[in-house]
C-alpha atoms as a PDB file:
ATOM      1  CA  MET A   1      -0.026  -0.022  -0.001  1.00  0.00           C
ATOM      2  CA  GLN A   2       2.831   2.344   1.001  1.00  0.00           C
ATOM      3  CA  PHE A   3       4.692   1.566  -2.296  1.00  0.00           C
ATOM      4  CA  TYR A   4       1.644   2.338  -4.519  1.00  0.00           C
ATOM      5  CA  GLN A   5       0.840   5.518  -2.497  1.00  0.00           C
ATOM      6  CA  GLU A   6       4.176   7.059  -3.352  1.00  0.00           C
ATOM      7  CA  SER A   7       2.940   7.454  -6.972  1.00  0.00           C
ATOM      8  CA  GLU A   8      -0.868   7.332  -6.444  1.00  0.00           C
ATOM      9  CA  PRO A   9      -1.737   8.992  -3.056  1.00  0.00           C
ATOM     10  CA  ASN A  10      -5.445   8.369  -3.441  1.00  0.00           C
ATOM     11  CA  ILE A  11      -5.256   4.721  -4.341  1.00  0.00           C
ATOM     12  CA  LYS A  12      -7.853   2.413  -2.753  1.00  0.00           C
ATOM     13  CA  GLN A  13      -7.114  -0.688  -0.717  1.00  0.00           C
ATOM     14  CA  THR A  14      -9.399  -2.687  -3.105  1.00  0.00           C
ATOM     15  CA  THR A  15      -7.310  -1.650  -6.116  1.00  0.00           C
ATOM     16  CA  VAL A  16      -4.063  -2.669  -4.304  1.00  0.00           C
ATOM     17  CA  ASN A  17      -5.666  -6.008  -3.528  1.00  0.00           C
ATOM     18  CA  TRP A  18      -6.557  -6.578  -7.170  1.00  0.00           C
ATOM     19  CA  ARG A  19      -3.062  -5.711  -8.224  1.00  0.00           C
ATOM     20  CA  VAL A  20      -1.509  -8.080  -5.650  1.00  0.00           C
ATOM     21  CA  PHE A  21      -3.902 -10.767  -6.918  1.00  0.00           C
ATOM     22  CA  ASN A  22      -2.806 -10.186 -10.495  1.00  0.00           C
ATOM     23  CA  LEU A  23       0.930 -10.227  -9.467  1.00  0.00           C
ATOM     24  CA  VAL A  24       0.370 -13.599  -7.953  1.00  0.00           C
ATOM     25  CA  GLN A  25      -1.494 -14.944 -11.022  1.00  0.00           C
ATOM     26  CA  ALA A  26       1.312 -13.788 -13.202  1.00  0.00           C
ATOM     27  CA  GLY A  27       3.894 -15.532 -11.106  1.00  0.00           C
ATOM     28  CA  ILE A  28       5.781 -12.283 -10.202  1.00  0.00           C
ATOM     29  CA  ILE A  29       5.032 -12.902  -6.542  1.00  0.00           C
ATOM     30  CA  SER A  30       3.873 -15.883  -4.555  1.00  0.00           C
ATOM     31  CA  ARG A  31       1.903 -16.010  -1.267  1.00  0.00           C
ATOM     32  CA  VAL A  32       3.815 -17.452   1.721  1.00  0.00           C
ATOM     33  CA  SER A  33       1.492 -16.527   4.477  1.00  0.00           C
ATOM     34  CA  ARG A  34      -1.334 -14.127   5.286  1.00  0.00           C
ATOM     35  CA  GLY A  35      -0.305 -10.790   3.886  1.00  0.00           C
ATOM     36  CA  LYS A  36       3.290 -11.949   3.084  1.00  0.00           C
ATOM     37  CA  PHE A  37       4.672 -12.708  -0.283  1.00  0.00           C
ATOM     38  CA  SER A  38       7.976 -13.669  -1.990  1.00  0.00           C
ATOM     39  CA  ILE A  39       9.405 -12.862  -5.405  1.00  0.00           C
ATOM     40  CA  GLY A  40       8.694 -15.423  -8.236  1.00  0.00           C
ATOM     41  CA  TYR A  41       6.582 -18.475  -8.715  1.00  0.00           C
ATOM     42  CA  SER A  42       5.755 -20.893  -5.972  1.00  0.00           C
ATOM     43  CA  LYS A  43       8.042 -23.868  -5.941  1.00  0.00           C
ATOM     44  CA  ASN A  44       6.225 -26.662  -4.152  1.00  0.00           C
ATOM     45  CA  PHE A  45       7.947 -29.597  -2.631  1.00  0.00           C
ATOM     46  CA  ILE A  46       6.599 -32.873  -4.021  1.00  0.00           C
ATOM     47  CA  PRO A  47       8.274 -36.021  -2.452  1.00  0.00           C
ATOM     48  CA  GLU A  48       8.966 -39.039  -4.533  1.00  0.00           C
ATOM     49  CA  ILE A  49       6.461 -41.812  -3.842  1.00  0.00           C
ATOM     50  CA  SER A  50       8.260 -45.172  -4.124  1.00  0.00           C
ATOM     51  CA  PRO A  51       6.591 -48.422  -5.032  1.00  0.00           C
ATOM     52  CA  ARG A  52       7.114 -49.547  -1.416  1.00  0.00           C
ATOM     53  CA  ILE A  53       5.402 -46.505  -0.035  1.00  0.00           C
ATOM     54  CA  LYS A  54       2.452 -47.096  -2.458  1.00  0.00           C
ATOM     55  CA  THR A  55       2.107 -50.670  -1.459  1.00  0.00           C
ATOM     56  CA  LEU A  56       2.085 -49.905   2.212  1.00  0.00           C
ATOM     57  CA  TYR A  57      -0.396 -47.100   1.791  1.00  0.00           C
ATOM     58  CA  LYS A  58      -2.806 -49.233  -0.194  1.00  0.00           C
ATOM     59  CA  ARG A  59      -2.611 -52.129   2.258  1.00  0.00           C
ATOM     60  CA  ILE A  60      -3.311 -49.890   5.205  1.00  0.00           C
ATOM     61  CA  HIS A  61      -5.964 -47.904   3.357  1.00  0.00           C
ATOM     62  CA  LYS A  62      -7.766 -51.180   2.304  1.00  0.00           C
ATOM     63  CA  LYS A  63      -7.722 -52.621   5.897  1.00  0.00           C
ATOM     64  CA  PHE A  64      -8.595 -49.191   7.515  1.00  0.00           C
ATOM     65  CA  PRO A  65     -10.523 -47.291   4.774  1.00  0.00           C
ATOM     66  CA  TYR A  66     -11.636 -44.456   7.038  1.00  0.00           C
ATOM     67  CA  LEU A  67      -8.369 -43.902   8.861  1.00  0.00           C
ATOM     68  CA  GLN A  68      -6.463 -40.713   8.588  1.00  0.00           C
ATOM     69  CA  LEU A  69      -2.846 -41.367   7.915  1.00  0.00           C
ATOM     70  CA  CYS A  70       0.275 -39.964   6.446  1.00  0.00           C
ATOM     71  CA  ILE A  71       3.164 -42.001   5.087  1.00  0.00           C
ATOM     72  CA  TRP A  72       6.707 -41.025   4.008  1.00  0.00           C
ATOM     73  CA  SER A  73      10.296 -42.088   4.015  1.00  0.00           C
ATOM     74  CA  THR A  74      13.148 -40.278   5.661  1.00  0.00           C
ATOM     75  CA  SER A  75      15.053 -40.765   2.359  1.00  0.00           C
ATOM     76  CA  VAL A  76      13.363 -37.454   1.313  1.00  0.00           C
ATOM     77  CA  PHE A  77      16.112 -35.702   3.319  1.00  0.00           C
ATOM     78  CA  ASN A  78      18.760 -36.761   0.744  1.00  0.00           C
ATOM     79  CA  GLU A  79      18.321 -33.640  -1.342  1.00  0.00           C
ATOM     80  CA  PHE A  80      18.785 -31.480   1.669  1.00  0.00           C
ATOM     81  CA  MET A  81      21.493 -33.044   3.796  1.00  0.00           C
ATOM     82  CA  LEU A  82      25.269 -32.775   3.628  1.00  0.00           C
ATOM     83  CA  HIS A  83      26.017 -36.123   5.265  1.00  0.00           C
ATOM     84  CA  GLN A  84      23.727 -38.925   4.026  1.00  0.00           C
ATOM     85  CA  PRO A  85      22.357 -41.302   6.738  1.00  0.00           C
ATOM     86  CA  GLY A  86      23.219 -45.004   6.552  1.00  0.00           C
ATOM     87  CA  ARG A  87      19.620 -46.043   7.018  1.00  0.00           C
ATOM     88  CA  PHE A  88      16.086 -44.750   6.334  1.00  0.00           C
ATOM     89  CA  TYR A  89      12.773 -45.084   8.084  1.00  0.00           C
ATOM     90  CA  THR A  90       9.275 -45.392   6.675  1.00  0.00           C
ATOM     91  CA  LEU A  91       7.038 -43.317   8.862  1.00  0.00           C
ATOM     92  CA  ILE A  92       3.453 -44.224   9.113  1.00  0.00           C
ATOM     93  CA  GLU A  93       1.454 -41.638  11.043  1.00  0.00           C
ATOM     94  CA  VAL A  94      -2.059 -42.460  12.047  1.00  0.00           C
ATOM     95  CA  GLU A  95      -4.818 -41.320  14.542  1.00  0.00           C
ATOM     96  CA  LYS A  96      -3.814 -42.093  18.066  1.00  0.00           C
ATOM     97  CA  ASP A  97      -6.736 -44.451  18.640  1.00  0.00           C
ATOM     98  CA  ALA A  98      -5.642 -46.667  15.759  1.00  0.00           C
ATOM     99  CA  LEU A  99      -1.877 -46.816  16.649  1.00  0.00           C
ATOM    100  CA  GLU A 100      -1.839 -50.320  18.023  1.00  0.00           C
ATOM    101  CA  SER A 101      -4.295 -51.760  15.372  1.00  0.00           C
ATOM    102  CA  VAL A 102      -2.054 -50.564  12.511  1.00  0.00           C
ATOM    103  CA  PHE A 103       1.069 -51.710  14.338  1.00  0.00           C
ATOM    104  CA  TYR A 104      -0.154 -55.324  14.736  1.00  0.00           C
ATOM    105  CA  PHE A 105      -1.499 -55.339  11.266  1.00  0.00           C
ATOM    106  CA  LEU A 106       1.933 -54.343   9.778  1.00  0.00           C
ATOM    107  CA  LYS A 107       3.765 -56.608  12.275  1.00  0.00           C
ATOM    108  CA  GLU A 108       2.083 -59.618  10.596  1.00  0.00           C
ATOM    109  CA  LYS A 109       3.541 -58.750   7.104  1.00  0.00           C
ATOM    110  CA  TYR A 110       6.830 -56.832   7.791  1.00  0.00           C
ATOM    111  CA  LYS A 111       9.937 -57.124  10.025  1.00  0.00           C
ATOM    112  CA  ASN A 112      11.372 -54.165  11.905  1.00  0.00           C
ATOM    113  CA  VAL A 113       8.130 -52.512  12.723  1.00  0.00           C
ATOM    114  CA  PHE A 114       8.094 -50.329  15.806  1.00  0.00           C
ATOM    115  CA  ILE A 115       5.480 -48.221  17.555  1.00  0.00           C
ATOM    116  CA  ASN A 116       6.554 -44.798  19.012  1.00  0.00           C
ATOM    117  CA  PRO A 117      10.073 -46.161  19.551  1.00  0.00           C
ATOM    118  CA  SER A 118      12.604 -44.575  21.987  1.00  0.00           C
ATOM    119  CA  ALA A 119      15.954 -43.366  20.859  1.00  0.00           C
ATOM    120  CA  ASP A 120      17.550 -46.482  22.477  1.00  0.00           C
ATOM    121  CA  THR A 121      15.180 -48.777  20.544  1.00  0.00           C
ATOM    122  CA  ILE A 122      15.955 -47.136  17.220  1.00  0.00           C
ATOM    123  CA  THR A 123      19.648 -47.209  17.906  1.00  0.00           C
ATOM    124  CA  HIS A 124      19.851 -50.957  18.907  1.00  0.00           C
ATOM    125  CA  TYR A 125      17.072 -52.589  16.952  1.00  0.00           C
ATOM    126  CA  ALA A 126      16.478 -50.638  13.728  1.00  0.00           C
ATOM    127  CA  SER A 127      17.924 -52.572  10.850  1.00  0.00           C
ATOM    128  CA  VAL A 128      20.638 -51.152   8.648  1.00  0.00           C
ATOM    129  CA  LYS A 129      19.891 -53.792   6.015  1.00  0.00           C
ATOM    130  CA  GLN A 130      16.201 -52.982   5.331  1.00  0.00           C
ATOM    131  CA  GLU A 131      14.059 -49.893   5.800  1.00  0.00           C
ATOM    132  CA  THR A 132      12.516 -49.839   9.280  1.00  0.00           C
ATOM    133  CA  ILE A 133       8.855 -49.061   9.606  1.00  0.00           C
ATOM    134  CA  ILE A 134       7.863 -46.727  12.497  1.00  0.00           C
ATOM    135  CA  VAL A 135       4.244 -46.253  13.490  1.00  0.00           C
ATOM    136  CA  LYS A 136       3.508 -43.018  15.397  1.00  0.00           C
ATOM    137  CA  SER A 137       0.647 -40.662  16.162  1.00  0.00           C
ATOM    138  CA  LEU A 138      -0.522 -38.265  13.506  1.00  0.00           C
ATOM    139  CA  VAL A 139      -1.105 -34.745  15.030  1.00  0.00           C
ATOM    140  CA  SER A 140      -4.500 -33.316  14.148  1.00  0.00           C
ATOM    141  CA  GLU A 141      -4.505 -30.769  11.375  1.00  0.00           C
ATOM    142  CA  ALA A 142      -1.034 -31.741  10.270  1.00  0.00           C
ATOM    143  CA  PRO A 143      -0.043 -30.207   6.876  1.00  0.00           C
ATOM    144  CA  VAL A 144      -0.117 -33.113   4.443  1.00  0.00           C
ATOM    145  CA  GLN A 145      -0.698 -33.374   0.696  1.00  0.00           C
ATOM    146  CA  LYS A 146      -1.765 -36.164  -1.716  1.00  0.00           C
ATOM    147  CA  VAL A 147       0.750 -37.190  -4.270  1.00  0.00           C
ATOM    148  CA  GLU A 148       0.033 -40.011  -6.681  1.00  0.00           C
ATOM    149  CA  GLY A 149      -2.982 -41.048  -4.590  1.00  0.00           C
ATOM    150  CA  VAL A 150      -0.842 -41.259  -1.324  1.00  0.00           C
ATOM    151  CA  VAL A 151      -1.299 -38.946   1.608  1.00  0.00           C
ATOM    152  CA  THR A 152       2.231 -37.780   2.442  1.00  0.00           C
ATOM    153  CA  ILE A 153       4.277 -34.961   3.896  1.00  0.00           C
ATOM    154  CA  THR A 154       4.657 -31.307   3.037  1.00  0.00           C
ATOM    155  CA  ILE A 155       7.880 -29.409   3.390  1.00  0.00           C
ATOM    156  CA  GLU A 156       6.417 -27.575   6.395  1.00  0.00           C
ATOM    157  CA  LYS A 157       5.609 -30.832   8.168  1.00  0.00           C
ATOM    158  CA  ILE A 158       9.205 -32.034   7.628  1.00  0.00           C
ATOM    159  CA  LEU A 159      10.709 -28.883   9.137  1.00  0.00           C
ATOM    160  CA  VAL A 160       8.494 -28.853  12.162  1.00  0.00           C
ATOM    161  CA  ASP A 161       8.933 -32.660  12.728  1.00  0.00           C
ATOM    162  CA  ILE A 162      12.806 -32.623  12.684  1.00  0.00           C
ATOM    163  CA  PHE A 163      12.713 -29.543  14.907  1.00  0.00           C
ATOM    164  CA  SER A 164      10.340 -31.283  17.404  1.00  0.00           C
ATOM    165  CA  ASP A 165      11.615 -34.843  17.517  1.00  0.00           C
ATOM    166  CA  ASP A 166      15.295 -35.519  18.140  1.00  0.00           C
ATOM    167  CA  LYS A 167      14.575 -39.243  18.878  1.00  0.00           C
ATOM    168  CA  ILE A 168      13.583 -40.374  15.355  1.00  0.00           C
ATOM    169  CA  PHE A 169      15.384 -37.613  13.563  1.00  0.00           C
ATOM    170  CA  THR A 170      18.672 -37.879  15.332  1.00  0.00           C
ATOM    171  CA  ALA A 171      20.650 -37.710  12.093  1.00  0.00           C
ATOM    172  CA  GLN A 172      18.865 -34.402  11.220  1.00  0.00           C
ATOM    173  CA  GLN A 173      19.854 -32.422  14.314  1.00  0.00           C
ATOM    174  CA  GLY A 174      22.450 -29.741  14.891  1.00  0.00           C
ATOM    175  CA  GLN A 175      24.312 -28.493  11.827  1.00  0.00           C
ATOM    176  CA  GLU A 176      22.409 -30.895   9.641  1.00  0.00           C
ATOM    177  CA  MET A 177      19.044 -29.302  10.724  1.00  0.00           C
ATOM    178  CA  ARG A 178      20.361 -25.836   9.833  1.00  0.00           C
ATOM    179  CA  ILE A 179      21.489 -27.185   6.435  1.00  0.00           C
ATOM    180  CA  ILE A 180      17.978 -28.681   5.853  1.00  0.00           C
ATOM    181  CA  PHE A 181      16.237 -25.563   6.715  1.00  0.00           C
ATOM    182  CA  THR A 182      18.583 -23.452   4.542  1.00  0.00           C
ATOM    183  CA  GLU A 183      18.263 -25.750   1.538  1.00  0.00           C
ATOM    184  CA  SER A 184      14.490 -25.985   1.974  1.00  0.00           C
ATOM    185  CA  ILE A 185      14.044 -22.216   2.086  1.00  0.00           C
ATOM    186  CA  ASN A 186      16.263 -21.810  -0.902  1.00  0.00           C
ATOM    187  CA  LYS A 187      14.680 -24.428  -3.079  1.00  0.00           C
ATOM    188  CA  TYR A 188      10.937 -24.288  -2.189  1.00  0.00           C
ATOM    189  CA  THR A 189       8.198 -21.888  -1.186  1.00  0.00           C
ATOM    190  CA  ILE A 190       7.661 -22.237   2.547  1.00  0.00           C
ATOM    191  CA  GLN A 191       4.238 -21.375   3.983  1.00  0.00           C
ATOM    192  CA  GLU A 192       5.190 -19.717   7.371  1.00  0.00           C
ATOM    193  CA  SER A 193       1.628 -19.677   8.637  1.00  0.00           C
ATOM    194  CA  ARG A 194       1.351 -23.425   7.993  1.00  0.00           C
ATOM    195  CA  ILE A 195       4.670 -24.057   9.950  1.00  0.00           C
ATOM    196  CA  LEU A 196       3.527 -21.970  12.821  1.00  0.00           C
ATOM    197  CA  ARG A 197      -0.007 -23.488  13.049  1.00  0.00           C
ATOM    198  CA  TYR A 198       1.434 -27.009  12.990  1.00  0.00           C
ATOM    199  CA  ALA A 199       4.124 -26.160  15.440  1.00  0.00           C
ATOM    200  CA  ASP A 200       1.474 -24.743  17.788  1.00  0.00           C
ATOM    201  CA  ARG A 201      -0.193 -28.151  17.719  1.00  0.00           C
ATOM    202  CA  LYS A 202       3.085 -29.652  18.885  1.00  0.00           C
ATOM    203  CA  ARG A 203       3.668 -26.845  21.441  1.00  0.00           C
ATOM    204  CA  LYS A 204       6.715 -25.647  19.474  1.00  0.00           C
ATOM    205  CA  LYS A 205       5.449 -22.447  17.961  1.00  0.00           C
ATOM    206  CA  GLU A 206       7.517 -19.808  19.890  1.00  0.00           C
ATOM    207  CA  ALA A 207      10.714 -21.993  19.619  1.00  0.00           C
ATOM    208  CA  ILE A 208      10.454 -22.596  15.881  1.00  0.00           C
ATOM    209  CA  SER A 209       9.500 -18.900  15.296  1.00  0.00           C
ATOM    210  CA  LYS A 210      12.755 -17.827  16.880  1.00  0.00           C
ATOM    211  CA  TYR A 211      14.620 -20.396  14.888  1.00  0.00           C
ATOM    212  CA  LEU A 212      13.133 -19.244  11.660  1.00  0.00           C
ATOM    213  CA  GLU A 213      14.158 -15.715  12.365  1.00  0.00           C
ATOM    214  CA  GLN A 214      17.819 -16.894  12.398  1.00  0.00           C
ATOM    215  CA  GLN A 215      17.470 -18.438   8.875  1.00  0.00           C
ATOM    216  CA  PRO A 216      18.918 -16.342   6.081  1.00  0.00           C
ATOM    217  CA  ASN A 217      16.599 -15.625   3.136  1.00  0.00           C
ATOM    218  CA  PHE A 218      13.537 -16.862   4.999  1.00  0.00           C
ATOM    219  CA  ARG A 219      11.546 -13.694   4.572  1.00  0.00           C
ATOM    220  CA  GLN A 220      13.145 -12.286   1.572  1.00  0.00           C
END
């Protein structure tokens, strides 16, 4: 508004709103949160959906058709991390009331399945030979997306999850987390409001807000 008023002192708010809308439609700016924009087209993070992920999702969905779930692999961190982990986890997040049902269902078909594992359990029992499956609670209103028919993570969910959980995401802590945040911000459009809303559900809103303020280029 201030920018336009320099050359058009009597410009109306509705006119500015329409101009902002047209700039977004033209790809000159992209919306990152309420009233906040960045230069250029939105670059959305779309994780790769492997055949294994598809098979797992279909089996769970067939058995529990009305269950809310999100499934993804920690291999998605490969494009962001400096040091590549030696093993990956398939994370299956479901409603809290269905945790044990899904766990026992998967336990009949797969090895190395854990439910809300501790750091010690992951360290001592997670296999390095095959991808470990971890069943954990899905936080309500978590930011997810559907890719190739599979409900999976968004970039905002990834960032909040590694910031909030140092048990499962041990390899993504410290300097690696800073690298992941920096690479994510540089490569993709990050919805700040989505991050803060999800972080609030995990009681990490204030902490992650301060962390984001330290990230170069986040609000540019």
